[in-house]
């Protein structure tokens, strides 16, 4: 090994931001900051824990809630439309029924 080119190997303090745990080890830097350690990692603890550093979990949950609200609104509108059609006594043909009628009309016009 060449002399004088390697960094010093010193006592280092490792600080976990996930659980606040600190411990000592040896490294080339004196301070090491980690997001998750063996004290709070699900593999070692056997418990599931979400560590949300960048707010991704909250953003995902917000998207899920917005999507659920949107589907609820759409279902309510569909139910309201179905109820108003039932009250008026009219039943509008479904999309497939309309296509079938159009095909029959086209077939009659081409055959005559």
PDB file of N, CA and C in Angstrom:
ATOM      1  N   UNK A   1       0.836  -1.180   0.000  1.00  0.00           N
ATOM      2  CA  UNK A   1       0.000   0.000   0.000  1.00  0.00           C
ATOM      3  C   UNK A   1       0.879   1.240   0.000  1.00  0.00           C
ATOM      4  N   UNK A   2       0.452   2.237  -0.726  1.00  0.00           N
ATOM      5  CA  UNK A   2       1.187   3.497  -0.746  1.00  0.00           C
ATOM      6  C   UNK A   2       0.954   4.233   0.565  1.00  0.00           C
ATOM      7  N   UNK A   3       1.943   4.913   1.025  1.00  0.00           N
ATOM      8  CA  UNK A   3       1.850   5.678   2.264  1.00  0.00           C
ATOM      9  C   UNK A   3       1.333   7.083   1.975  1.00  0.00           C
ATOM     10  N   UNK A   4       0.464   7.604   2.859  1.00  0.00           N
ATOM     11  CA  UNK A   4       0.025   8.984   2.790  1.00  0.00           C
ATOM     12  C   UNK A   4      -1.153   9.266   1.868  1.00  0.00           C
ATOM     13  N   UNK A   5      -1.742   8.259   1.205  1.00  0.00           N
ATOM     14  CA  UNK A   5      -2.868   8.530   0.303  1.00  0.00           C
ATOM     15  C   UNK A   5      -4.201   8.042   0.865  1.00  0.00           C
ATOM     16  N   UNK A   6      -4.164   7.295   1.947  1.00  0.00           N
ATOM     17  CA  UNK A   6      -5.385   6.727   2.516  1.00  0.00           C
ATOM     18  C   UNK A   6      -5.932   7.640   3.609  1.00  0.00           C
ATOM     19  N   UNK A   7      -7.274   7.767   3.719  1.00  0.00           N
ATOM     20  CA  UNK A   7      -7.850   8.610   4.776  1.00  0.00           C
ATOM     21  C   UNK A   7      -7.669   7.960   6.146  1.00  0.00           C
ATOM     22  N   UNK A   8      -7.803   8.766   7.180  1.00  0.00           N
ATOM     23  CA  UNK A   8      -7.676   8.256   8.545  1.00  0.00           C
ATOM     24  C   UNK A   8      -8.897   7.414   8.893  1.00  0.00           C
ATOM     25  N   UNK A   9      -8.654   6.350   9.644  1.00  0.00           N
ATOM     26  CA  UNK A   9      -9.710   5.456  10.096  1.00  0.00           C
ATOM     27  C   UNK A   9     -10.005   5.841  11.539  1.00  0.00           C
ATOM     28  N   UNK A  10     -11.177   6.487  11.781  1.00  0.00           N
ATOM     29  CA  UNK A  10     -11.476   7.069  13.090  1.00  0.00           C
ATOM     30  C   UNK A  10     -12.758   6.479  13.665  1.00  0.00           C
ATOM     31  N   UNK A  11     -13.005   6.772  14.954  1.00  0.00           N
ATOM     32  CA  UNK A  11     -14.267   6.405  15.591  1.00  0.00           C
ATOM     33  C   UNK A  11     -15.379   7.241  14.967  1.00  0.00           C
ATOM     34  N   UNK A  12     -16.480   6.602  14.595  1.00  0.00           N
ATOM     35  CA  UNK A  12     -17.592   7.303  13.952  1.00  0.00           C
ATOM     36  C   UNK A  12     -18.872   7.089  14.748  1.00  0.00           C
ATOM     37  N   UNK A  13     -19.711   8.116  14.786  1.00  0.00           N
ATOM     38  CA  UNK A  13     -21.020   8.031  15.418  1.00  0.00           C
ATOM     39  C   UNK A  13     -22.059   7.905  14.315  1.00  0.00           C
ATOM     40  N   UNK A  14     -22.854   6.838  14.377  1.00  0.00           N
ATOM     41  CA  UNK A  14     -23.910   6.607  13.396  1.00  0.00           C
ATOM     42  C   UNK A  14     -25.227   7.020  14.039  1.00  0.00           C
ATOM     43  N   UNK A  15     -25.965   7.903  13.368  1.00  0.00           N
ATOM     44  CA  UNK A  15     -27.240   8.385  13.882  1.00  0.00           C
ATOM     45  C   UNK A  15     -28.354   7.996  12.917  1.00  0.00           C
ATOM     46  N   UNK A  16     -29.377   7.315  13.436  1.00  0.00           N
ATOM     47  CA  UNK A  16     -30.516   6.878  12.626  1.00  0.00           C
ATOM     48  C   UNK A  16     -31.625   7.919  12.735  1.00  0.00           C
ATOM     49  N   UNK A  17     -32.116   8.398  11.588  1.00  0.00           N
ATOM     50  CA  UNK A  17     -33.213   9.368  11.581  1.00  0.00           C
ATOM     51  C   UNK A  17     -34.568   8.680  11.741  1.00  0.00           C
ATOM     52  N   UNK A  18     -34.625   7.371  11.484  1.00  0.00           N
ATOM     53  CA  UNK A  18     -35.888   6.648  11.595  1.00  0.00           C
ATOM     54  C   UNK A  18     -36.326   6.437  13.026  1.00  0.00           C
ATOM     55  N   UNK A  19     -35.372   6.096  13.911  1.00  0.00           N
ATOM     56  CA  UNK A  19     -35.740   5.809  15.292  1.00  0.00           C
ATOM     57  C   UNK A  19     -34.950   6.630  16.304  1.00  0.00           C
ATOM     58  N   UNK A  20     -33.939   7.376  15.866  1.00  0.00           N
ATOM     59  CA  UNK A  20     -33.150   8.191  16.781  1.00  0.00           C
ATOM     60  C   UNK A  20     -32.014   7.436  17.444  1.00  0.00           C
ATOM     61  N   UNK A  21     -31.805   6.202  17.070  1.00  0.00           N
ATOM     62  CA  UNK A  21     -30.753   5.377  17.651  1.00  0.00           C
ATOM     63  C   UNK A  21     -29.377   5.895  17.223  1.00  0.00           C
ATOM     64  N   UNK A  22     -28.410   5.856  18.153  1.00  0.00           N
ATOM     65  CA  UNK A  22     -27.025   6.203  17.820  1.00  0.00           C
ATOM     66  C   UNK A  22     -26.122   5.089  18.319  1.00  0.00           C
ATOM     67  N   UNK A  23     -25.068   4.823  17.567  1.00  0.00           N
ATOM     68  CA  UNK A  23     -24.072   3.841  17.993  1.00  0.00           C
ATOM     69  C   UNK A  23     -22.724   4.195  17.403  1.00  0.00           C
ATOM     70  N   UNK A  24     -21.691   3.582  17.944  1.00  0.00           N
ATOM     71  CA  UNK A  24     -20.318   3.869  17.542  1.00  0.00           C
ATOM     72  C   UNK A  24     -19.794   2.767  16.637  1.00  0.00           C
ATOM     73  N   UNK A  25     -18.991   3.161  15.673  1.00  0.00           N
ATOM     74  CA  UNK A  25     -18.304   2.226  14.790  1.00  0.00           C
ATOM     75  C   UNK A  25     -17.030   2.913  14.322  1.00  0.00           C
ATOM     76  N   UNK A  26     -16.337   2.304  13.416  1.00  0.00           N
ATOM     77  CA  UNK A  26     -15.134   2.925  12.864  1.00  0.00           C
ATOM     78  C   UNK A  26     -15.349   3.146  11.378  1.00  0.00           C
ATOM     79  N   UNK A  27     -14.915   4.317  10.903  1.00  0.00           N
ATOM     80  CA  UNK A  27     -15.070   4.665   9.499  1.00  0.00           C
ATOM     81  C   UNK A  27     -14.075   5.768   9.162  1.00  0.00           C
ATOM     82  N   UNK A  28     -14.119   6.216   7.929  1.00  0.00           N
ATOM     83  CA  UNK A  28     -13.216   7.288   7.505  1.00  0.00           C
ATOM     84  C   UNK A  28     -13.808   8.669   7.764  1.00  0.00           C
ATOM     85  N   UNK A  29     -15.085   8.737   8.152  1.00  0.00           N
ATOM     86  CA  UNK A  29     -15.705  10.001   8.540  1.00  0.00           C
ATOM     87  C   UNK A  29     -16.138   9.900   9.992  1.00  0.00           C
ATOM     88  N   UNK A  30     -16.282  11.021  10.661  1.00  0.00           N
ATOM     89  CA  UNK A  30     -16.597  10.982  12.089  1.00  0.00           C
ATOM     90  C   UNK A  30     -18.095  10.933  12.361  1.00  0.00           C
ATOM     91  N   UNK A  31     -18.918  11.338  11.415  1.00  0.00           N
ATOM     92  CA  UNK A  31     -20.373  11.367  11.583  1.00  0.00           C
ATOM     93  C   UNK A  31     -21.044  10.690  10.399  1.00  0.00           C
ATOM     94  N   UNK A  32     -21.947   9.751  10.672  1.00  0.00           N
ATOM     95  CA  UNK A  32     -22.702   9.076   9.618  1.00  0.00           C
ATOM     96  C   UNK A  32     -24.180   9.186   9.978  1.00  0.00           C
ATOM     97  N   UNK A  33     -24.990   9.669   9.045  1.00  0.00           N
ATOM     98  CA  UNK A  33     -26.427   9.783   9.257  1.00  0.00           C
ATOM     99  C   UNK A  33     -27.133   8.828   8.310  1.00  0.00           C
ATOM    100  N   UNK A  34     -28.000   7.962   8.870  1.00  0.00           N
ATOM    101  CA  UNK A  34     -28.733   6.990   8.064  1.00  0.00           C
ATOM    102  C   UNK A  34     -30.228   7.188   8.293  1.00  0.00           C
ATOM    103  N   UNK A  35     -31.035   6.742   7.324  1.00  0.00           N
ATOM    104  CA  UNK A  35     -32.491   6.866   7.437  1.00  0.00           C
ATOM    105  C   UNK A  35     -33.105   5.696   8.196  1.00  0.00           C
ATOM    106  N   UNK A  36     -32.452   4.544   8.158  1.00  0.00           N
ATOM    107  CA  UNK A  36     -32.989   3.353   8.805  1.00  0.00           C
ATOM    108  C   UNK A  36     -31.819   2.493   9.269  1.00  0.00           C
ATOM    109  N   UNK A  37     -31.963   1.865  10.437  1.00  0.00           N
ATOM    110  CA  UNK A  37     -30.878   1.043  10.981  1.00  0.00           C
ATOM    111  C   UNK A  37     -31.435  -0.322  11.394  1.00  0.00           C
ATOM    112  N   UNK A  38     -30.593  -1.143  12.004  1.00  0.00           N
ATOM    113  CA  UNK A  38     -31.009  -2.485  12.409  1.00  0.00           C
ATOM    114  C   UNK A  38     -32.038  -2.452  13.536  1.00  0.00           C
ATOM    115  N   UNK A  39     -32.098  -1.364  14.292  1.00  0.00           N
ATOM    116  CA  UNK A  39     -33.070  -1.253  15.383  1.00  0.00           C
ATOM    117  C   UNK A  39     -34.491  -0.999  14.876  1.00  0.00           C
ATOM    118  N   UNK A  40     -34.611  -0.388  13.704  1.00  0.00           N
ATOM    119  CA  UNK A  40     -35.949  -0.042  13.213  1.00  0.00           C
ATOM    120  C   UNK A  40     -36.263  -0.653  11.849  1.00  0.00           C
ATOM    121  N   UNK A  41     -35.355  -1.401  11.252  1.00  0.00           N
ATOM    122  CA  UNK A  41     -35.606  -2.016   9.943  1.00  0.00           C
ATOM    123  C   UNK A  41     -36.574  -3.188  10.105  1.00  0.00           C
ATOM    124  N   UNK A  42     -37.605  -3.277   9.259  1.00  0.00           N
ATOM    125  CA  UNK A  42     -38.608  -4.343   9.388  1.00  0.00           C
ATOM    126  C   UNK A  42     -38.024  -5.751   9.299  1.00  0.00           C
ATOM    127  N   UNK A  43     -36.934  -5.934   8.578  1.00  0.00           N
ATOM    128  CA  UNK A  43     -36.341  -7.265   8.458  1.00  0.00           C
ATOM    129  C   UNK A  43     -35.834  -7.747   9.810  1.00  0.00           C
ATOM    130  N   UNK A  44     -35.261  -6.853  10.585  1.00  0.00           N
ATOM    131  CA  UNK A  44     -34.691  -7.227  11.874  1.00  0.00           C
ATOM    132  C   UNK A  44     -35.713  -7.189  12.997  1.00  0.00           C
ATOM    133  N   UNK A  45     -36.696  -6.307  12.917  1.00  0.00           N
ATOM    134  CA  UNK A  45     -37.675  -6.182  13.997  1.00  0.00           C
ATOM    135  C   UNK A  45     -38.869  -7.105  13.823  1.00  0.00           C
ATOM    136  N   UNK A  46     -39.175  -7.494  12.593  1.00  0.00           N
ATOM    137  CA  UNK A  46     -40.339  -8.327  12.335  1.00  0.00           C
ATOM    138  C   UNK A  46     -41.635  -7.542  12.297  1.00  0.00           C
ATOM    139  N   UNK A  47     -41.554  -6.223  12.379  1.00  0.00           N
ATOM    140  CA  UNK A  47     -42.734  -5.361  12.344  1.00  0.00           C
ATOM    141  C   UNK A  47     -42.634  -4.450  11.137  1.00  0.00           C
ATOM    142  N   UNK A  48     -43.776  -4.187  10.522  1.00  0.00           N
ATOM    143  CA  UNK A  48     -43.788  -3.290   9.375  1.00  0.00           C
ATOM    144  C   UNK A  48     -43.888  -1.857   9.874  1.00  0.00           C
ATOM    145  N   UNK A  49     -42.984  -1.021   9.387  1.00  0.00           N
ATOM    146  CA  UNK A  49     -42.978   0.385   9.768  1.00  0.00           C
ATOM    147  C   UNK A  49     -42.647   1.206   8.537  1.00  0.00           C
ATOM    148  N   UNK A  50     -43.465   2.202   8.259  1.00  0.00           N
ATOM    149  CA  UNK A  50     -43.217   3.059   7.108  1.00  0.00           C
ATOM    150  C   UNK A  50     -42.347   4.232   7.532  1.00  0.00           C
ATOM    151  N   UNK A  51     -41.209   4.377   6.870  1.00  0.00           N
ATOM    152  CA  UNK A  51     -40.335   5.516   7.104  1.00  0.00           C
ATOM    153  C   UNK A  51     -40.511   6.438   5.910  1.00  0.00           C
ATOM    154  N   UNK A  52     -41.159   7.556   6.155  1.00  0.00           N
ATOM    155  CA  UNK A  52     -41.497   8.472   5.068  1.00  0.00           C
ATOM    156  C   UNK A  52     -40.626   9.714   5.170  1.00  0.00           C
ATOM    157  N   UNK A  53     -39.550   9.722   4.412  1.00  0.00           N
ATOM    158  CA  UNK A  53     -38.616  10.841   4.470  1.00  0.00           C
ATOM    159  C   UNK A  53     -39.058  11.971   3.557  1.00  0.00           C
ATOM    160  N   UNK A  54     -39.522  11.652   2.376  1.00  0.00           N
ATOM    161  CA  UNK A  54     -39.851  12.682   1.388  1.00  0.00           C
ATOM    162  C   UNK A  54     -41.347  12.960   1.287  1.00  0.00           C
ATOM    163  N   UNK A  55     -42.175  12.419   2.181  1.00  0.00           N
ATOM    164  CA  UNK A  55     -43.609  12.662   2.127  1.00  0.00           C
ATOM    165  C   UNK A  55     -44.318  11.853   1.064  1.00  0.00           C
ATOM    166  N   UNK A  56     -43.710  10.804   0.583  1.00  0.00           N
ATOM    167  CA  UNK A  56     -44.299  10.018  -0.507  1.00  0.00           C
ATOM    168  C   UNK A  56     -45.520   9.234  -0.049  1.00  0.00           C
ATOM    169  N   UNK A  57     -45.468   8.707   1.175  1.00  0.00           N
ATOM    170  CA  UNK A  57     -46.595   7.923   1.676  1.00  0.00           C
ATOM    171  C   UNK A  57     -47.816   8.822   1.843  1.00  0.00           C
ATOM    172  N   UNK A  58     -47.609  10.007   2.402  1.00  0.00           N
ATOM    173  CA  UNK A  58     -48.732  10.942   2.567  1.00  0.00           C
ATOM    174  C   UNK A  58     -49.307  11.353   1.218  1.00  0.00           C
ATOM    175  N   UNK A  59     -48.430  11.593   0.259  1.00  0.00           N
ATOM    176  CA  UNK A  59     -48.892  11.985  -1.078  1.00  0.00           C
ATOM    177  C   UNK A  59     -49.679  10.839  -1.715  1.00  0.00           C
ATOM    178  N   UNK A  60     -49.215   9.590  -1.543  1.00  0.00           N
ATOM    179  CA  UNK A  60     -49.919   8.429  -2.084  1.00  0.00           C
ATOM    180  C   UNK A  60     -51.301   8.299  -1.447  1.00  0.00           C
ATOM    181  N   UNK A  61     -51.361   8.452  -0.134  1.00  0.00           N
ATOM    182  CA  UNK A  61     -52.652   8.349   0.556  1.00  0.00           C
ATOM    183  C   UNK A  61     -53.612   9.447   0.105  1.00  0.00           C
ATOM    184  N   UNK A  62     -53.092  10.643  -0.132  1.00  0.00           N
ATOM    185  CA  UNK A  62     -53.936  11.739  -0.610  1.00  0.00           C
ATOM    186  C   UNK A  62     -54.495  11.419  -1.993  1.00  0.00           C
ATOM    187  N   UNK A  63     -53.658  10.832  -2.863  1.00  0.00           N
ATOM    188  CA  UNK A  63     -54.132  10.439  -4.195  1.00  0.00           C
ATOM    189  C   UNK A  63     -55.218   9.365  -4.085  1.00  0.00           C
ATOM    190  N   UNK A  64     -55.031   8.407  -3.186  1.00  0.00           N
ATOM    191  CA  UNK A  64     -56.017   7.346  -3.005  1.00  0.00           C
ATOM    192  C   UNK A  64     -57.346   7.916  -2.515  1.00  0.00           C
ATOM    193  N   UNK A  65     -57.297   8.846  -1.560  1.00  0.00           N
ATOM    194  CA  UNK A  65     -58.527   9.456  -1.052  1.00  0.00           C
ATOM    195  C   UNK A  65     -59.246  10.250  -2.144  1.00  0.00           C
ATOM    196  N   UNK A  66     -58.478  10.983  -2.940  1.00  0.00           N
ATOM    197  CA  UNK A  66     -59.081  11.765  -4.020  1.00  0.00           C
ATOM    198  C   UNK A  66     -59.749  10.850  -5.037  1.00  0.00           C
ATOM    199  N   UNK A  67     -59.099   9.735  -5.362  1.00  0.00           N
ATOM    200  CA  UNK A  67     -59.677   8.793  -6.318  1.00  0.00           C
ATOM    201  C   UNK A  67     -60.953   8.171  -5.751  1.00  0.00           C
ATOM    202  N   UNK A  68     -60.946   7.837  -4.465  1.00  0.00           N
ATOM    203  CA  UNK A  68     -62.139   7.252  -3.845  1.00  0.00           C
ATOM    204  C   UNK A  68     -63.295   8.249  -3.851  1.00  0.00           C
ATOM    205  N   UNK A  69     -63.011   9.509  -3.565  1.00  0.00           N
ATOM    206  CA  UNK A  69     -64.058  10.526  -3.582  1.00  0.00           C
ATOM    207  C   UNK A  69     -64.611  10.722  -4.986  1.00  0.00           C
ATOM    208  N   UNK A  70     -63.738  10.661  -5.974  1.00  0.00           N
ATOM    209  CA  UNK A  70     -64.170  10.838  -7.355  1.00  0.00           C
ATOM    210  C   UNK A  70     -65.101   9.700  -7.774  1.00  0.00           C
ATOM    211  N   UNK A  71     -64.751   8.459  -7.417  1.00  0.00           N
ATOM    212  CA  UNK A  71     -65.614   7.334  -7.774  1.00  0.00           C
ATOM    213  C   UNK A  71     -66.938   7.409  -7.018  1.00  0.00           C
ATOM    214  N   UNK A  72     -66.908   7.859  -5.767  1.00  0.00           N
ATOM    215  CA  UNK A  72     -68.152   8.011  -5.012  1.00  0.00           C
ATOM    216  C   UNK A  72     -69.073   9.032  -5.675  1.00  0.00           C
ATOM    217  N   UNK A  73     -68.502  10.159  -6.102  1.00  0.00           N
ATOM    218  CA  UNK A  73     -69.303  11.183  -6.775  1.00  0.00           C
ATOM    219  C   UNK A  73     -69.900  10.642  -8.065  1.00  0.00           C
ATOM    220  N   UNK A  74     -69.098   9.882  -8.822  1.00  0.00           N
ATOM    221  CA  UNK A  74     -69.577   9.336 -10.094  1.00  0.00           C
ATOM    222  C   UNK A  74     -70.711   8.341  -9.845  1.00  0.00           C
ATOM    223  N   UNK A  75     -70.573   7.492  -8.823  1.00  0.00           N
ATOM    224  CA  UNK A  75     -71.626   6.525  -8.514  1.00  0.00           C
ATOM    225  C   UNK A  75     -72.916   7.230  -8.109  1.00  0.00           C
ATOM    226  N   UNK A  76     -72.788   8.292  -7.314  1.00  0.00           N
ATOM    227  CA  UNK A  76     -73.977   9.034  -6.903  1.00  0.00           C
ATOM    228  C   UNK A  76     -74.670   9.667  -8.102  1.00  0.00           C
ATOM    229  N   UNK A  77     -73.889  10.206  -9.038  1.00  0.00           N
ATOM    230  CA  UNK A  77     -74.473  10.803 -10.237  1.00  0.00           C
ATOM    231  C   UNK A  77     -75.182   9.748 -11.075  1.00  0.00           C
ATOM    232  N   UNK A  78     -74.579   8.573 -11.215  1.00  0.00           N
ATOM    233  CA  UNK A  78     -75.203   7.498 -11.986  1.00  0.00           C
ATOM    234  C   UNK A  78     -76.494   7.041 -11.323  1.00  0.00           C
ATOM    235  N   UNK A  79     -76.481   6.922  -9.991  1.00  0.00           N
ATOM    236  CA  UNK A  79     -77.685   6.512  -9.280  1.00  0.00           C
ATOM    237  C   UNK A  79     -78.783   7.563  -9.425  1.00  0.00           C
ATOM    238  N   UNK A  80     -78.382   8.825  -9.358  1.00  0.00           N
ATOM    239  CA  UNK A  80     -79.357   9.905  -9.502  1.00  0.00           C
ATOM    240  C   UNK A  80     -79.964   9.897 -10.900  1.00  0.00           C
ATOM    241  N   UNK A  81     -79.137   9.674 -11.921  1.00  0.00           N
ATOM    242  CA  UNK A  81     -79.634   9.626 -13.295  1.00  0.00           C
ATOM    243  C   UNK A  81     -80.558   8.430 -13.484  1.00  0.00           C
ATOM    244  N   UNK A  82     -80.200   7.285 -12.921  1.00  0.00           N
ATOM    245  CA  UNK A  82     -81.038   6.093 -13.043  1.00  0.00           C
ATOM    246  C   UNK A  82     -82.370   6.300 -12.333  1.00  0.00           C
ATOM    247  N   UNK A  83     -82.327   6.965 -11.188  1.00  0.00           N
ATOM    248  CA  UNK A  83     -83.557   7.213 -10.443  1.00  0.00           C
ATOM    249  C   UNK A  83     -84.471   8.172 -11.204  1.00  0.00           C
ATOM    250  N   UNK A  84     -83.892   9.198 -11.809  1.00  0.00           N
ATOM    251  CA  UNK A  84     -84.719  10.152 -12.556  1.00  0.00           C
ATOM    252  C   UNK A  84     -85.332   9.490 -13.786  1.00  0.00           C
ATOM    253  N   UNK A  85     -84.610   8.579 -14.430  1.00  0.00           N
ATOM    254  CA  UNK A  85     -85.165   7.849 -15.576  1.00  0.00           C
ATOM    255  C   UNK A  85     -86.282   6.924 -15.127  1.00  0.00           C
ATOM    256  N   UNK A  86     -86.090   6.287 -13.968  1.00  0.00           N
ATOM    257  CA  UNK A  86     -87.121   5.381 -13.464  1.00  0.00           C
ATOM    258  C   UNK A  86     -88.374   6.163 -13.075  1.00  0.00           C
ATOM    259  N   UNK A  87     -88.187   7.348 -12.516  1.00  0.00           N
ATOM    260  CA  UNK A  87     -89.333   8.170 -12.126  1.00  0.00           C
ATOM    261  C   UNK A  87     -90.105   8.668 -13.340  1.00  0.00           C
ATOM    262  N   UNK A  88     -89.398   8.965 -14.415  1.00  0.00           N
ATOM    263  CA  UNK A  88     -90.072   9.481 -15.607  1.00  0.00           C
ATOM    264  C   UNK A  88     -90.731   8.359 -16.409  1.00  0.00           C
ATOM    265  N   UNK A  89     -90.397   7.124 -16.101  1.00  0.00           N
ATOM    266  CA  UNK A  89     -91.022   6.002 -16.793  1.00  0.00           C
ATOM    267  C   UNK A  89     -90.356   5.661 -18.101  1.00  0.00           C
ATOM    268  N   UNK A  90     -89.330   6.373 -18.462  1.00  0.00           N
ATOM    269  CA  UNK A  90     -88.631   6.093 -19.713  1.00  0.00           C
ATOM    270  C   UNK A  90     -87.393   5.262 -19.411  1.00  0.00           C
ATOM    271  N   UNK A  91     -87.121   4.393 -20.328  1.00  0.00           N
ATOM    272  CA  UNK A  91     -85.868   3.648 -20.212  1.00  0.00           C
ATOM    273  C   UNK A  91     -85.073   3.917 -21.477  1.00  0.00           C
ATOM    274  N   UNK A  92     -83.944   4.489 -21.311  1.00  0.00           N
ATOM    275  CA  UNK A  92     -83.131   4.791 -22.491  1.00  0.00           C
ATOM    276  C   UNK A  92     -82.375   3.531 -22.896  1.00  0.00           C
ATOM    277  N   UNK A  93     -82.219   3.324 -24.186  1.00  0.00           N
ATOM    278  CA  UNK A  93     -81.507   2.128 -24.634  1.00  0.00           C
ATOM    279  C   UNK A  93     -80.035   2.203 -24.241  1.00  0.00           C
ATOM    280  N   UNK A  94     -79.495   1.053 -23.980  1.00  0.00           N
ATOM    281  CA  UNK A  94     -78.080   1.012 -23.629  1.00  0.00           C
ATOM    282  C   UNK A  94     -77.241   1.230 -24.870  1.00  0.00           C
ATOM    283  N   UNK A  95     -75.992   1.377 -24.669  1.00  0.00           N
ATOM    284  CA  UNK A  95     -75.073   1.649 -25.778  1.00  0.00           C
ATOM    285  C   UNK A  95     -75.083   0.510 -26.795  1.00  0.00           C
ATOM    286  N   UNK A  96     -75.100  -0.717 -26.306  1.00  0.00           N
ATOM    287  CA  UNK A  96     -75.115  -1.869 -27.211  1.00  0.00           C
ATOM    288  C   UNK A  96     -76.435  -1.958 -27.978  1.00  0.00           C
ATOM    289  N   UNK A  97     -77.533  -1.616 -27.307  1.00  0.00           N
ATOM    290  CA  UNK A  97     -78.829  -1.634 -27.990  1.00  0.00           C
ATOM    291  C   UNK A  97     -78.864  -0.592 -29.098  1.00  0.00           C
ATOM    292  N   UNK A  98     -78.260   0.568 -28.856  1.00  0.00           N
ATOM    293  CA  UNK A  98     -78.197   1.605 -29.886  1.00  0.00           C
ATOM    294  C   UNK A  98     -77.381   1.125 -31.079  1.00  0.00           C
ATOM    295  N   UNK A  99     -76.275   0.474 -30.813  1.00  0.00           N
ATOM    296  CA  UNK A  99     -75.436  -0.042 -31.898  1.00  0.00           C
ATOM    297  C   UNK A  99     -76.196  -1.085 -32.707  1.00  0.00           C
ATOM    298  N   UNK A 100     -76.932  -1.950 -32.018  1.00  0.00           N
ATOM    299  CA  UNK A 100     -77.702  -2.983 -32.696  1.00  0.00           C
ATOM    300  C   UNK A 100     -78.774  -2.354 -33.588  1.00  0.00           C
ATOM    301  N   UNK A 101     -79.461  -1.339 -33.093  1.00  0.00           N
ATOM    302  CA  UNK A 101     -80.472  -0.652 -33.898  1.00  0.00           C
ATOM    303  C   UNK A 101     -79.841   0.013 -35.113  1.00  0.00           C
ATOM    304  N   UNK A 102     -78.696   0.638 -34.942  1.00  0.00           N
ATOM    305  CA  UNK A 102     -78.000   1.276 -36.062  1.00  0.00           C
ATOM    306  C   UNK A 102     -77.597   0.246 -37.110  1.00  0.00           C
ATOM    307  N   UNK A 103     -77.113  -0.906 -36.658  1.00  0.00           N
ATOM    308  CA  UNK A 103     -76.723  -1.956 -37.600  1.00  0.00           C
ATOM    309  C   UNK A 103     -77.929  -2.463 -38.385  1.00  0.00           C
ATOM    310  N   UNK A 104     -79.052  -2.645 -37.689  1.00  0.00           N
ATOM    311  CA  UNK A 104     -80.263  -3.110 -38.369  1.00  0.00           C
ATOM    312  C   UNK A 104     -80.733  -2.082 -39.388  1.00  0.00           C
ATOM    313  N   UNK A 105     -80.700  -0.814 -39.025  1.00  0.00           N
ATOM    314  CA  UNK A 105     -81.102   0.248 -39.961  1.00  0.00           C
ATOM    315  C   UNK A 105     -80.189   0.269 -41.178  1.00  0.00           C
ATOM    316  N   UNK A 106     -78.900   0.141 -40.962  1.00  0.00           N
ATOM    317  CA  UNK A 106     -77.942   0.134 -42.073  1.00  0.00           C
ATOM    318  C   UNK A 106     -78.151  -1.075 -42.973  1.00  0.00           C
ATOM    319  N   UNK A 107     -78.465  -2.202 -42.377  1.00  0.00           N
ATOM    320  CA  UNK A 107     -78.675  -3.420 -43.157  1.00  0.00           C
ATOM    321  C   UNK A 107     -79.940  -3.283 -44.005  1.00  0.00           C
ATOM    322  N   UNK A 108     -80.992  -2.689 -43.452  1.00  0.00           N
ATOM    323  CA  UNK A 108     -82.234  -2.504 -44.201  1.00  0.00           C
ATOM    324  C   UNK A 108     -82.040  -1.537 -45.358  1.00  0.00           C
ATOM    325  N   UNK A 109     -81.284  -0.488 -45.152  1.00  0.00           N
ATOM    326  CA  UNK A 109     -81.082   0.496 -46.221  1.00  0.00           C
ATOM    327  C   UNK A 109     -80.194  -0.061 -47.321  1.00  0.00           C
ATOM    328  N   UNK A 110     -79.245  -0.899 -46.998  1.00  0.00           N
ATOM    329  CA  UNK A 110     -78.366  -1.466 -48.024  1.00  0.00           C
ATOM    330  C   UNK A 110     -79.052  -2.591 -48.786  1.00  0.00           C
ATOM    331  N   UNK A 111     -79.985  -3.302 -48.161  1.00  0.00           N
ATOM    332  CA  UNK A 111     -80.646  -4.415 -48.833  1.00  0.00           C
ATOM    333  C   UNK A 111     -81.769  -3.937 -49.750  1.00  0.00           C
ATOM    334  N   UNK A 112     -82.311  -2.770 -49.547  1.00  0.00           N
ATOM    335  CA  UNK A 112     -83.416  -2.298 -50.393  1.00  0.00           C
ATOM    336  C   UNK A 112     -82.965  -1.487 -51.557  1.00  0.00           C
TER     337      UNK A 112
END
